[in-house]
Amino acid sequence: MANSVYQVNKGINQSIEFKGLKAQYIWYLGGGIVILMILFAVLYFIGLPSYLCVGIIAGIGTLMVIKIYRMSHKYGEYGLMKALAKKQLPNAIRSNSRKIFLMDDKNGK
């Protein structure tokens, strides 16, 4: 049996990268694999044939891996959080009153 050595860190002050996955996407892939294992167990206990269970899990797993790798390459380490935050910004701020711009010199209101 040969020992496998995987390089996890790329250097000092660099984000963790493993087989092309960056930072949080490693956790997303790990969580997805755990969910797929649970789904396989549920499908098997329901009574579906094992080959059908393996086919379903393999198809979903392939799509999941492709999607996670695409997100990792597209967004990088912090890009997904930035994209989600940008969606929450309003397009415009509307004000029907000028009260907030008028200040009283005495109280600062």
PDB file of N, CA and C in Angstrom:
ATOM      1  N   MET A   1       0.852  -1.174   0.000  1.00  0.00           N
ATOM      2  CA  MET A   1       0.000   0.000   0.000  1.00  0.00           C
ATOM      3  C   MET A   1       0.895   1.233   0.000  1.00  0.00           C
ATOM      4  N   ALA A   2       0.666   2.100  -0.947  1.00  0.00           N
ATOM      5  CA  ALA A   2       1.474   3.316  -1.057  1.00  0.00           C
ATOM      6  C   ALA A   2       0.860   4.423  -0.209  1.00  0.00           C
ATOM      7  N   ASN A   3       1.717   5.198   0.414  1.00  0.00           N
ATOM      8  CA  ASN A   3       1.254   6.338   1.194  1.00  0.00           C
ATOM      9  C   ASN A   3       1.002   7.509   0.270  1.00  0.00           C
ATOM     10  N   SER A   4      -0.119   8.164   0.474  1.00  0.00           N
ATOM     11  CA  SER A   4      -0.450   9.340  -0.317  1.00  0.00           C
ATOM     12  C   SER A   4      -0.144  10.585   0.491  1.00  0.00           C
ATOM     13  N   VAL A   5       0.498  11.528  -0.145  1.00  0.00           N
ATOM     14  CA  VAL A   5       0.806  12.795   0.502  1.00  0.00           C
ATOM     15  C   VAL A   5       0.113  13.887  -0.295  1.00  0.00           C
ATOM     16  N   TYR A   6      -0.735  14.655   0.382  1.00  0.00           N
ATOM     17  CA  TYR A   6      -1.466  15.731  -0.263  1.00  0.00           C
ATOM     18  C   TYR A   6      -0.934  17.065   0.242  1.00  0.00           C
ATOM     19  N   GLN A   7      -0.699  17.969  -0.673  1.00  0.00           N
ATOM     20  CA  GLN A   7      -0.273  19.306  -0.287  1.00  0.00           C
ATOM     21  C   GLN A   7      -1.521  20.141  -0.043  1.00  0.00           C
ATOM     22  N   VAL A   8      -1.686  20.628   1.181  1.00  0.00           N
ATOM     23  CA  VAL A   8      -2.884  21.370   1.545  1.00  0.00           C
ATOM     24  C   VAL A   8      -2.633  22.868   1.480  1.00  0.00           C
ATOM     25  N   ASN A   9      -1.566  23.361   2.083  1.00  0.00           N
ATOM     26  CA  ASN A   9      -1.289  24.793   2.112  1.00  0.00           C
ATOM     27  C   ASN A   9      -0.356  25.180   0.967  1.00  0.00           C
ATOM     28  N   LYS A  10      -0.630  26.328   0.364  1.00  0.00           N
ATOM     29  CA  LYS A  10       0.204  26.812  -0.738  1.00  0.00           C
ATOM     30  C   LYS A  10       1.320  27.726  -0.240  1.00  0.00           C
ATOM     31  N   GLY A  11       1.260  28.188   0.976  1.00  0.00           N
ATOM     32  CA  GLY A  11       2.301  29.060   1.491  1.00  0.00           C
ATOM     33  C   GLY A  11       1.781  29.893   2.647  1.00  0.00           C
ATOM     34  N   ILE A  12       2.628  30.777   3.118  1.00  0.00           N
ATOM     35  CA  ILE A  12       2.274  31.644   4.225  1.00  0.00           C
ATOM     36  C   ILE A  12       1.285  32.698   3.736  1.00  0.00           C
ATOM     37  N   ASN A  13       0.266  32.965   4.544  1.00  0.00           N
ATOM     38  CA  ASN A  13      -0.773  33.955   4.258  1.00  0.00           C
ATOM     39  C   ASN A  13      -1.569  33.653   2.992  1.00  0.00           C
ATOM     40  N   GLN A  14      -1.614  32.422   2.591  1.00  0.00           N
ATOM     41  CA  GLN A  14      -2.427  32.008   1.450  1.00  0.00           C
ATOM     42  C   GLN A  14      -3.619  31.216   1.983  1.00  0.00           C
ATOM     43  N   SER A  15      -4.721  31.257   1.249  1.00  0.00           N
ATOM     44  CA  SER A  15      -5.883  30.489   1.667  1.00  0.00           C
ATOM     45  C   SER A  15      -5.640  29.004   1.427  1.00  0.00           C
ATOM     46  N   ILE A  16      -6.360  28.187   2.170  1.00  0.00           N
ATOM     47  CA  ILE A  16      -6.230  26.739   2.019  1.00  0.00           C
ATOM     48  C   ILE A  16      -6.790  26.330   0.671  1.00  0.00           C
ATOM     49  N   GLU A  17      -6.068  25.485  -0.014  1.00  0.00           N
ATOM     50  CA  GLU A  17      -6.510  24.988  -1.318  1.00  0.00           C
ATOM     51  C   GLU A  17      -6.223  23.495  -1.362  1.00  0.00           C
ATOM     52  N   PHE A  18      -7.210  22.720  -1.794  1.00  0.00           N
ATOM     53  CA  PHE A  18      -7.061  21.279  -1.893  1.00  0.00           C
ATOM     54  C   PHE A  18      -7.661  20.810  -3.206  1.00  0.00           C
ATOM     55  N   LYS A  19      -6.821  20.316  -4.070  1.00  0.00           N
ATOM     56  CA  LYS A  19      -7.246  19.800  -5.381  1.00  0.00           C
ATOM     57  C   LYS A  19      -8.058  20.822  -6.168  1.00  0.00           C
ATOM     58  N   GLY A  20      -7.694  22.087  -6.068  1.00  0.00           N
ATOM     59  CA  GLY A  20      -8.369  23.142  -6.817  1.00  0.00           C
ATOM     60  C   GLY A  20      -9.506  23.811  -6.078  1.00  0.00           C
ATOM     61  N   LEU A  21      -9.953  23.243  -4.962  1.00  0.00           N
ATOM     62  CA  LEU A  21     -11.014  23.869  -4.171  1.00  0.00           C
ATOM     63  C   LEU A  21     -10.390  24.839  -3.185  1.00  0.00           C
ATOM     64  N   LYS A  22     -11.009  26.004  -3.048  1.00  0.00           N
ATOM     65  CA  LYS A  22     -10.473  27.035  -2.171  1.00  0.00           C
ATOM     66  C   LYS A  22     -11.379  27.229  -0.957  1.00  0.00           C
ATOM     67  N   ALA A  23     -10.766  27.401   0.181  1.00  0.00           N
ATOM     68  CA  ALA A  23     -11.381  27.829   1.440  1.00  0.00           C
ATOM     69  C   ALA A  23     -12.658  27.068   1.780  1.00  0.00           C
ATOM     70  N   GLN A  24     -13.808  27.767   1.817  1.00  0.00           N
ATOM     71  CA  GLN A  24     -15.051  27.183   2.321  1.00  0.00           C
ATOM     72  C   GLN A  24     -15.629  26.137   1.385  1.00  0.00           C
ATOM     73  N   TYR A  25     -15.206  26.094   0.144  1.00  0.00           N
ATOM     74  CA  TYR A  25     -15.755  25.121  -0.796  1.00  0.00           C
ATOM     75  C   TYR A  25     -15.329  23.704  -0.448  1.00  0.00           C
ATOM     76  N   ILE A  26     -14.226  23.546   0.276  1.00  0.00           N
ATOM     77  CA  ILE A  26     -13.827  22.228   0.769  1.00  0.00           C
ATOM     78  C   ILE A  26     -14.884  21.716   1.738  1.00  0.00           C
ATOM     79  N   TRP A  27     -15.373  22.608   2.612  1.00  0.00           N
ATOM     80  CA  TRP A  27     -16.419  22.229   3.565  1.00  0.00           C
ATOM     81  C   TRP A  27     -17.737  21.957   2.860  1.00  0.00           C
ATOM     82  N   TYR A  28     -18.058  22.741   1.840  1.00  0.00           N
ATOM     83  CA  TYR A  28     -19.295  22.507   1.089  1.00  0.00           C
ATOM     84  C   TYR A  28     -19.275  21.118   0.456  1.00  0.00           C
ATOM     85  N   LEU A  29     -18.142  20.731  -0.123  1.00  0.00           N
ATOM     86  CA  LEU A  29     -18.038  19.423  -0.750  1.00  0.00           C
ATOM     87  C   LEU A  29     -18.130  18.312   0.295  1.00  0.00           C
ATOM     88  N   GLY A  30     -17.473  18.482   1.432  1.00  0.00           N
ATOM     89  CA  GLY A  30     -17.548  17.489   2.500  1.00  0.00           C
ATOM     90  C   GLY A  30     -18.966  17.327   3.028  1.00  0.00           C
ATOM     91  N   GLY A  31     -19.648  18.441   3.241  1.00  0.00           N
ATOM     92  CA  GLY A  31     -21.041  18.385   3.700  1.00  0.00           C
ATOM     93  C   GLY A  31     -21.950  17.739   2.677  1.00  0.00           C
ATOM     94  N   GLY A  32     -21.714  18.026   1.404  1.00  0.00           N
ATOM     95  CA  GLY A  32     -22.510  17.419   0.346  1.00  0.00           C
ATOM     96  C   GLY A  32     -22.325  15.917   0.282  1.00  0.00           C
ATOM     97  N   ILE A  33     -21.112  15.457   0.503  1.00  0.00           N
ATOM     98  CA  ILE A  33     -20.847  14.020   0.492  1.00  0.00           C
ATOM     99  C   ILE A  33     -21.552  13.333   1.654  1.00  0.00           C
ATOM    100  N   VAL A  34     -21.546  13.965   2.826  1.00  0.00           N
ATOM    101  CA  VAL A  34     -22.254  13.399   3.981  1.00  0.00           C
ATOM    102  C   VAL A  34     -23.750  13.318   3.690  1.00  0.00           C
ATOM    103  N   ILE A  35     -24.319  14.363   3.097  1.00  0.00           N
ATOM    104  CA  ILE A  35     -25.745  14.361   2.759  1.00  0.00           C
ATOM    105  C   ILE A  35     -26.055  13.270   1.738  1.00  0.00           C
ATOM    106  N   LEU A  36     -25.169  13.075   0.758  1.00  0.00           N
ATOM    107  CA  LEU A  36     -25.386  12.026  -0.235  1.00  0.00           C
ATOM    108  C   LEU A  36     -25.336  10.635   0.403  1.00  0.00           C
ATOM    109  N   MET A  37     -24.463  10.442   1.374  1.00  0.00           N
ATOM    110  CA  MET A  37     -24.412   9.141   2.060  1.00  0.00           C
ATOM    111  C   MET A  37     -25.702   8.877   2.834  1.00  0.00           C
ATOM    112  N   ILE A  38     -26.214   9.902   3.485  1.00  0.00           N
ATOM    113  CA  ILE A  38     -27.487   9.760   4.207  1.00  0.00           C
ATOM    114  C   ILE A  38     -28.621   9.483   3.232  1.00  0.00           C
ATOM    115  N   LEU A  39     -28.631  10.188   2.089  1.00  0.00           N
ATOM    116  CA  LEU A  39     -29.659   9.969   1.076  1.00  0.00           C
ATOM    117  C   LEU A  39     -29.595   8.550   0.522  1.00  0.00           C
ATOM    118  N   PHE A  40     -28.387   8.034   0.319  1.00  0.00           N
ATOM    119  CA  PHE A  40     -28.239   6.655  -0.151  1.00  0.00           C
ATOM    120  C   PHE A  40     -28.841   5.678   0.853  1.00  0.00           C
ATOM    121  N   ALA A  41     -28.545   5.895   2.137  1.00  0.00           N
ATOM    122  CA  ALA A  41     -29.076   5.006   3.172  1.00  0.00           C
ATOM    123  C   ALA A  41     -30.601   5.048   3.197  1.00  0.00           C
ATOM    124  N   VAL A  42     -31.173   6.242   3.066  1.00  0.00           N
ATOM    125  CA  VAL A  42     -32.633   6.379   3.077  1.00  0.00           C
ATOM    126  C   VAL A  42     -33.236   5.669   1.870  1.00  0.00           C
ATOM    127  N   LEU A  43     -32.665   5.883   0.696  1.00  0.00           N
ATOM    128  CA  LEU A  43     -33.182   5.229  -0.512  1.00  0.00           C
ATOM    129  C   LEU A  43     -33.073   3.713  -0.411  1.00  0.00           C
ATOM    130  N   TYR A  44     -31.984   3.219   0.164  1.00  0.00           N
ATOM    131  CA  TYR A  44     -31.792   1.778   0.301  1.00  0.00           C
ATOM    132  C   TYR A  44     -32.785   1.178   1.294  1.00  0.00           C
ATOM    133  N   PHE A  45     -33.033   1.892   2.403  1.00  0.00           N
ATOM    134  CA  PHE A  45     -33.975   1.390   3.400  1.00  0.00           C
ATOM    135  C   PHE A  45     -35.414   1.455   2.912  1.00  0.00           C
ATOM    136  N   ILE A  46     -35.701   2.378   1.999  1.00  0.00           N
ATOM    137  CA  ILE A  46     -37.043   2.450   1.430  1.00  0.00           C
ATOM    138  C   ILE A  46     -37.341   1.191   0.627  1.00  0.00           C
ATOM    139  N   GLY A  47     -36.298   0.638   0.023  1.00  0.00           N
ATOM    140  CA  GLY A  47     -36.491  -0.605  -0.718  1.00  0.00           C
ATOM    141  C   GLY A  47     -36.144  -0.501  -2.192  1.00  0.00           C
ATOM    142  N   LEU A  48     -35.532   0.604  -2.605  1.00  0.00           N
ATOM    143  CA  LEU A  48     -35.121   0.719  -4.001  1.00  0.00           C
ATOM    144  C   LEU A  48     -33.948  -0.223  -4.263  1.00  0.00           C
ATOM    145  N   PRO A  49     -33.835  -0.733  -5.483  1.00  0.00           N
ATOM    146  CA  PRO A  49     -32.690  -1.589  -5.803  1.00  0.00           C
ATOM    147  C   PRO A  49     -31.374  -0.828  -5.624  1.00  0.00           C
ATOM    148  N   SER A  50     -30.343  -1.555  -5.186  1.00  0.00           N
ATOM    149  CA  SER A  50     -29.078  -0.903  -4.862  1.00  0.00           C
ATOM    150  C   SER A  50     -28.439  -0.243  -6.084  1.00  0.00           C
ATOM    151  N   TYR A  51     -28.597  -0.849  -7.272  1.00  0.00           N
ATOM    152  CA  TYR A  51     -28.026  -0.237  -8.473  1.00  0.00           C
ATOM    153  C   TYR A  51     -28.712   1.087  -8.801  1.00  0.00           C
ATOM    154  N   LEU A  52     -30.010   1.151  -8.563  1.00  0.00           N
ATOM    155  CA  LEU A  52     -30.739   2.404  -8.793  1.00  0.00           C
ATOM    156  C   LEU A  52     -30.289   3.469  -7.785  1.00  0.00           C
ATOM    157  N   CYS A  53     -30.092   3.042  -6.528  1.00  0.00           N
ATOM    158  CA  CYS A  53     -29.606   3.976  -5.507  1.00  0.00           C
ATOM    159  C   CYS A  53     -28.233   4.532  -5.883  1.00  0.00           C
ATOM    160  N   VAL A  54     -27.345   3.644  -6.325  1.00  0.00           N
ATOM    161  CA  VAL A  54     -26.001   4.072  -6.710  1.00  0.00           C
ATOM    162  C   VAL A  54     -26.074   5.014  -7.907  1.00  0.00           C
ATOM    163  N   GLY A  55     -26.937   4.728  -8.866  1.00  0.00           N
ATOM    164  CA  GLY A  55     -27.085   5.592 -10.039  1.00  0.00           C
ATOM    165  C   GLY A  55     -27.590   6.978  -9.674  1.00  0.00           C
ATOM    166  N   ILE A  56     -28.585   7.031  -8.803  1.00  0.00           N
ATOM    167  CA  ILE A  56     -29.132   8.326  -8.373  1.00  0.00           C
ATOM    168  C   ILE A  56     -28.069   9.127  -7.626  1.00  0.00           C
ATOM    169  N   ILE A  57     -27.393   8.484  -6.682  1.00  0.00           N
ATOM    170  CA  ILE A  57     -26.373   9.173  -5.890  1.00  0.00           C
ATOM    171  C   ILE A  57     -25.204   9.602  -6.767  1.00  0.00           C
ATOM    172  N   ALA A  58     -24.806   8.760  -7.720  1.00  0.00           N
ATOM    173  CA  ALA A  58     -23.699   9.120  -8.613  1.00  0.00           C
ATOM    174  C   ALA A  58     -24.061  10.320  -9.478  1.00  0.00           C
ATOM    175  N   GLY A  59     -25.284  10.365  -9.983  1.00  0.00           N
ATOM    176  CA  GLY A  59     -25.713  11.505 -10.800  1.00  0.00           C
ATOM    177  C   GLY A  59     -25.768  12.801 -10.009  1.00  0.00           C
ATOM    178  N   ILE A  60     -26.393  12.742  -8.834  1.00  0.00           N
ATOM    179  CA  ILE A  60     -26.486  13.930  -7.983  1.00  0.00           C
ATOM    180  C   ILE A  60     -25.094  14.359  -7.511  1.00  0.00           C
ATOM    181  N   GLY A  61     -24.258  13.379  -7.157  1.00  0.00           N
ATOM    182  CA  GLY A  61     -22.898  13.681  -6.692  1.00  0.00           C
ATOM    183  C   GLY A  61     -22.056  14.334  -7.770  1.00  0.00           C
ATOM    184  N   THR A  62     -22.185  13.845  -9.001  1.00  0.00           N
ATOM    185  CA  THR A  62     -21.446  14.447 -10.113  1.00  0.00           C
ATOM    186  C   THR A  62     -21.863  15.891 -10.332  1.00  0.00           C
ATOM    187  N   LEU A  63     -23.165  16.134 -10.336  1.00  0.00           N
ATOM    188  CA  LEU A  63     -23.655  17.507 -10.507  1.00  0.00           C
ATOM    189  C   LEU A  63     -23.190  18.404  -9.358  1.00  0.00           C
ATOM    190  N   MET A  64     -23.191  17.872  -8.143  1.00  0.00           N
ATOM    191  CA  MET A  64     -22.761  18.654  -6.984  1.00  0.00           C
ATOM    192  C   MET A  64     -21.283  19.022  -7.087  1.00  0.00           C
ATOM    193  N   VAL A  65     -20.438  18.063  -7.450  1.00  0.00           N
ATOM    194  CA  VAL A  65     -18.999  18.330  -7.561  1.00  0.00           C
ATOM    195  C   VAL A  65     -18.730  19.355  -8.654  1.00  0.00           C
ATOM    196  N   ILE A  66     -19.391  19.215  -9.798  1.00  0.00           N
ATOM    197  CA  ILE A  66     -19.209  20.175 -10.894  1.00  0.00           C
ATOM    198  C   ILE A  66     -19.633  21.571 -10.450  1.00  0.00           C
ATOM    199  N   LYS A  67     -20.769  21.678  -9.778  1.00  0.00           N
ATOM    200  CA  LYS A  67     -21.275  22.982  -9.326  1.00  0.00           C
ATOM    201  C   LYS A  67     -20.327  23.618  -8.298  1.00  0.00           C
ATOM    202  N   ILE A  68     -19.827  22.832  -7.359  1.00  0.00           N
ATOM    203  CA  ILE A  68     -18.932  23.378  -6.327  1.00  0.00           C
ATOM    204  C   ILE A  68     -17.610  23.818  -6.939  1.00  0.00           C
ATOM    205  N   TYR A  69     -17.059  23.042  -7.870  1.00  0.00           N
ATOM    206  CA  TYR A  69     -15.813  23.448  -8.524  1.00  0.00           C
ATOM    207  C   TYR A  69     -16.021  24.719  -9.355  1.00  0.00           C
ATOM    208  N   ARG A  70     -17.162  24.842 -10.021  1.00  0.00           N
ATOM    209  CA  ARG A  70     -17.438  26.061 -10.782  1.00  0.00           C
ATOM    210  C   ARG A  70     -17.531  27.271  -9.868  1.00  0.00           C
ATOM    211  N   MET A  71     -18.210  27.120  -8.729  1.00  0.00           N
ATOM    212  CA  MET A  71     -18.308  28.239  -7.787  1.00  0.00           C
ATOM    213  C   MET A  71     -16.934  28.598  -7.235  1.00  0.00           C
ATOM    214  N   SER A  72     -16.104  27.592  -6.957  1.00  0.00           N
ATOM    215  CA  SER A  72     -14.772  27.847  -6.429  1.00  0.00           C
ATOM    216  C   SER A  72     -13.924  28.623  -7.429  1.00  0.00           C
ATOM    217  N   HIS A  73     -14.005  28.248  -8.696  1.00  0.00           N
ATOM    218  CA  HIS A  73     -13.210  28.946  -9.712  1.00  0.00           C
ATOM    219  C   HIS A  73     -13.790  30.317 -10.049  1.00  0.00           C
ATOM    220  N   LYS A  74     -15.109  30.444 -10.017  1.00  0.00           N
ATOM    221  CA  LYS A  74     -15.742  31.717 -10.382  1.00  0.00           C
ATOM    222  C   LYS A  74     -15.592  32.763  -9.282  1.00  0.00           C
ATOM    223  N   TYR A  75     -15.872  32.375  -8.035  1.00  0.00           N
ATOM    224  CA  TYR A  75     -15.909  33.340  -6.952  1.00  0.00           C
ATOM    225  C   TYR A  75     -14.631  33.397  -6.122  1.00  0.00           C
ATOM    226  N   GLY A  76     -13.884  32.327  -6.041  1.00  0.00           N
ATOM    227  CA  GLY A  76     -12.683  32.328  -5.222  1.00  0.00           C
ATOM    228  C   GLY A  76     -13.000  32.255  -3.746  1.00  0.00           C
ATOM    229  N   GLU A  77     -12.066  32.758  -2.928  1.00  0.00           N
ATOM    230  CA  GLU A  77     -12.196  32.598  -1.488  1.00  0.00           C
ATOM    231  C   GLU A  77     -13.329  33.434  -0.892  1.00  0.00           C
ATOM    232  N   TYR A  78     -13.425  34.695  -1.255  1.00  0.00           N
ATOM    233  CA  TYR A  78     -14.424  35.584  -0.653  1.00  0.00           C
ATOM    234  C   TYR A  78     -15.483  36.054  -1.643  1.00  0.00           C
ATOM    235  N   GLY A  79     -15.381  35.679  -2.893  1.00  0.00           N
ATOM    236  CA  GLY A  79     -16.273  36.196  -3.918  1.00  0.00           C
ATOM    237  C   GLY A  79     -17.727  35.815  -3.744  1.00  0.00           C
ATOM    238  N   LEU A  80     -18.005  34.612  -3.234  1.00  0.00           N
ATOM    239  CA  LEU A  80     -19.390  34.189  -3.048  1.00  0.00           C
ATOM    240  C   LEU A  80     -20.070  35.047  -1.992  1.00  0.00           C
ATOM    241  N   MET A  81     -19.366  35.341  -0.903  1.00  0.00           N
ATOM    242  CA  MET A  81     -19.939  36.203   0.139  1.00  0.00           C
ATOM    243  C   MET A  81     -20.176  37.610  -0.411  1.00  0.00           C
ATOM    244  N   LYS A  82     -19.253  38.105  -1.237  1.00  0.00           N
ATOM    245  CA  LYS A  82     -19.420  39.429  -1.829  1.00  0.00           C
ATOM    246  C   LYS A  82     -20.600  39.459  -2.793  1.00  0.00           C
ATOM    247  N   ALA A  83     -20.773  38.401  -3.572  1.00  0.00           N
ATOM    248  CA  ALA A  83     -21.890  38.341  -4.523  1.00  0.00           C
ATOM    249  C   ALA A  83     -23.222  38.291  -3.785  1.00  0.00           C
ATOM    250  N   LEU A  84     -23.289  37.515  -2.701  1.00  0.00           N
ATOM    251  CA  LEU A  84     -24.519  37.454  -1.915  1.00  0.00           C
ATOM    252  C   LEU A  84     -24.810  38.783  -1.229  1.00  0.00           C
ATOM    253  N   ALA A  85     -23.769  39.479  -0.756  1.00  0.00           N
ATOM    254  CA  ALA A  85     -23.958  40.781  -0.112  1.00  0.00           C
ATOM    255  C   ALA A  85     -24.397  41.828  -1.130  1.00  0.00           C
ATOM    256  N   LYS A  86     -23.879  41.742  -2.354  1.00  0.00           N
ATOM    257  CA  LYS A  86     -24.240  42.718  -3.383  1.00  0.00           C
ATOM    258  C   LYS A  86     -25.704  42.596  -3.783  1.00  0.00           C
ATOM    259  N   LYS A  87     -26.258  41.393  -3.710  1.00  0.00           N
ATOM    260  CA  LYS A  87     -27.669  41.199  -4.037  1.00  0.00           C
ATOM    261  C   LYS A  87     -28.585  41.862  -3.019  1.00  0.00           C
ATOM    262  N   GLN A  88     -28.089  42.076  -1.804  1.00  0.00           N
ATOM    263  CA  GLN A  88     -28.910  42.673  -0.756  1.00  0.00           C
ATOM    264  C   GLN A  88     -28.897  44.203  -0.784  1.00  0.00           C
ATOM    265  N   LEU A  89     -28.039  44.803  -1.607  1.00  0.00           N
ATOM    266  CA  LEU A  89     -28.003  46.259  -1.700  1.00  0.00           C
ATOM    267  C   LEU A  89     -29.183  46.766  -2.510  1.00  0.00           C
ATOM    268  N   PRO A  90     -29.814  47.857  -2.073  1.00  0.00           N
ATOM    269  CA  PRO A  90     -30.917  48.410  -2.866  1.00  0.00           C
ATOM    270  C   PRO A  90     -30.384  49.121  -4.110  1.00  0.00           C
ATOM    271  N   ASN A  91     -31.208  49.156  -5.165  1.00  0.00           N
ATOM    272  CA  ASN A  91     -30.819  49.856  -6.383  1.00  0.00           C
ATOM    273  C   ASN A  91     -30.845  51.364  -6.194  1.00  0.00           C
ATOM    274  N   ALA A  92     -31.798  51.825  -5.398  1.00  0.00           N
ATOM    275  CA  ALA A  92     -31.933  53.260  -5.158  1.00  0.00           C
ATOM    276  C   ALA A  92     -32.511  53.470  -3.762  1.00  0.00           C
ATOM    277  N   ILE A  93     -32.195  54.640  -3.193  1.00  0.00           N
ATOM    278  CA  ILE A  93     -32.764  55.024  -1.905  1.00  0.00           C
ATOM    279  C   ILE A  93     -33.675  56.203  -2.163  1.00  0.00           C
ATOM    280  N   ARG A  94     -34.927  56.052  -1.789  1.00  0.00           N
ATOM    281  CA  ARG A  94     -35.908  57.113  -2.036  1.00  0.00           C
ATOM    282  C   ARG A  94     -36.335  57.747  -0.724  1.00  0.00           C
ATOM    283  N   SER A  95     -36.474  59.053  -0.764  1.00  0.00           N
ATOM    284  CA  SER A  95     -36.934  59.791   0.400  1.00  0.00           C
ATOM    285  C   SER A  95     -38.008  60.760  -0.060  1.00  0.00           C
ATOM    286  N   ASN A  96     -39.185  60.706   0.572  1.00  0.00           N
ATOM    287  CA  ASN A  96     -40.289  61.595   0.205  1.00  0.00           C
ATOM    288  C   ASN A  96     -40.295  62.858   1.059  1.00  0.00           C
ATOM    289  N   SER A  97     -39.356  62.964   1.971  1.00  0.00           N
ATOM    290  CA  SER A  97     -39.307  64.111   2.857  1.00  0.00           C
ATOM    291  C   SER A  97     -37.869  64.606   2.941  1.00  0.00           C
ATOM    292  N   ARG A  98     -37.731  65.931   3.165  1.00  0.00           N
ATOM    293  CA  ARG A  98     -36.399  66.511   3.323  1.00  0.00           C
ATOM    294  C   ARG A  98     -36.054  66.716   4.793  1.00  0.00           C
ATOM    295  N   LYS A  99     -36.865  66.183   5.701  1.00  0.00           N
ATOM    296  CA  LYS A  99     -36.643  66.378   7.131  1.00  0.00           C
ATOM    297  C   LYS A  99     -35.289  65.859   7.595  1.00  0.00           C
ATOM    298  N   ILE A 100     -34.856  64.773   7.071  1.00  0.00           N
ATOM    299  CA  ILE A 100     -33.596  64.194   7.543  1.00  0.00           C
ATOM    300  C   ILE A 100     -32.398  65.059   7.157  1.00  0.00           C
ATOM    301  N   PHE A 101     -32.560  65.937   6.164  1.00  0.00           N
ATOM    302  CA  PHE A 101     -31.466  66.794   5.729  1.00  0.00           C
ATOM    303  C   PHE A 101     -31.473  68.154   6.416  1.00  0.00           C
ATOM    304  N   LEU A 102     -32.573  68.504   7.041  1.00  0.00           N
ATOM    305  CA  LEU A 102     -32.682  69.784   7.739  1.00  0.00           C
ATOM    306  C   LEU A 102     -32.287  69.600   9.194  1.00  0.00           C
ATOM    307  N   MET A 103     -31.345  70.441   9.680  1.00  0.00           N
ATOM    308  CA  MET A 103     -30.880  70.315  11.056  1.00  0.00           C
ATOM    309  C   MET A 103     -31.091  71.631  11.785  1.00  0.00           C
ATOM    310  N   ASP A 104     -31.422  71.503  13.035  1.00  0.00           N
ATOM    311  CA  ASP A 104     -31.526  72.669  13.903  1.00  0.00           C
ATOM    312  C   ASP A 104     -30.145  72.883  14.517  1.00  0.00           C
ATOM    313  N   ASP A 105     -29.649  74.116  14.495  1.00  0.00           N
ATOM    314  CA  ASP A 105     -28.295  74.392  14.960  1.00  0.00           C
ATOM    315  C   ASP A 105     -28.129  74.225  16.461  1.00  0.00           C
ATOM    316  N   LYS A 106     -29.190  74.387  17.241  1.00  0.00           N
ATOM    317  CA  LYS A 106     -29.067  74.352  18.688  1.00  0.00           C
ATOM    318  C   LYS A 106     -28.821  72.935  19.218  1.00  0.00           C
ATOM    319  N   ASN A 107     -29.635  72.017  18.824  1.00  0.00           N
ATOM    320  CA  ASN A 107     -29.575  70.658  19.380  1.00  0.00           C
ATOM    321  C   ASN A 107     -28.887  69.661  18.438  1.00  0.00           C
ATOM    322  N   GLY A 108     -28.573  70.066  17.269  1.00  0.00           N
ATOM    323  CA  GLY A 108     -27.998  69.158  16.289  1.00  0.00           C
ATOM    324  C   GLY A 108     -29.058  68.281  15.641  1.00  0.00           C
ATOM    325  N   LYS A 109     -30.331  68.683  15.830  1.00  0.00           N
ATOM    326  CA  LYS A 109     -31.430  67.922  15.229  1.00  0.00           C
ATOM    327  C   LYS A 109     -32.112  68.747  14.170  1.00  0.00           C
TER     328      LYS A 109
END
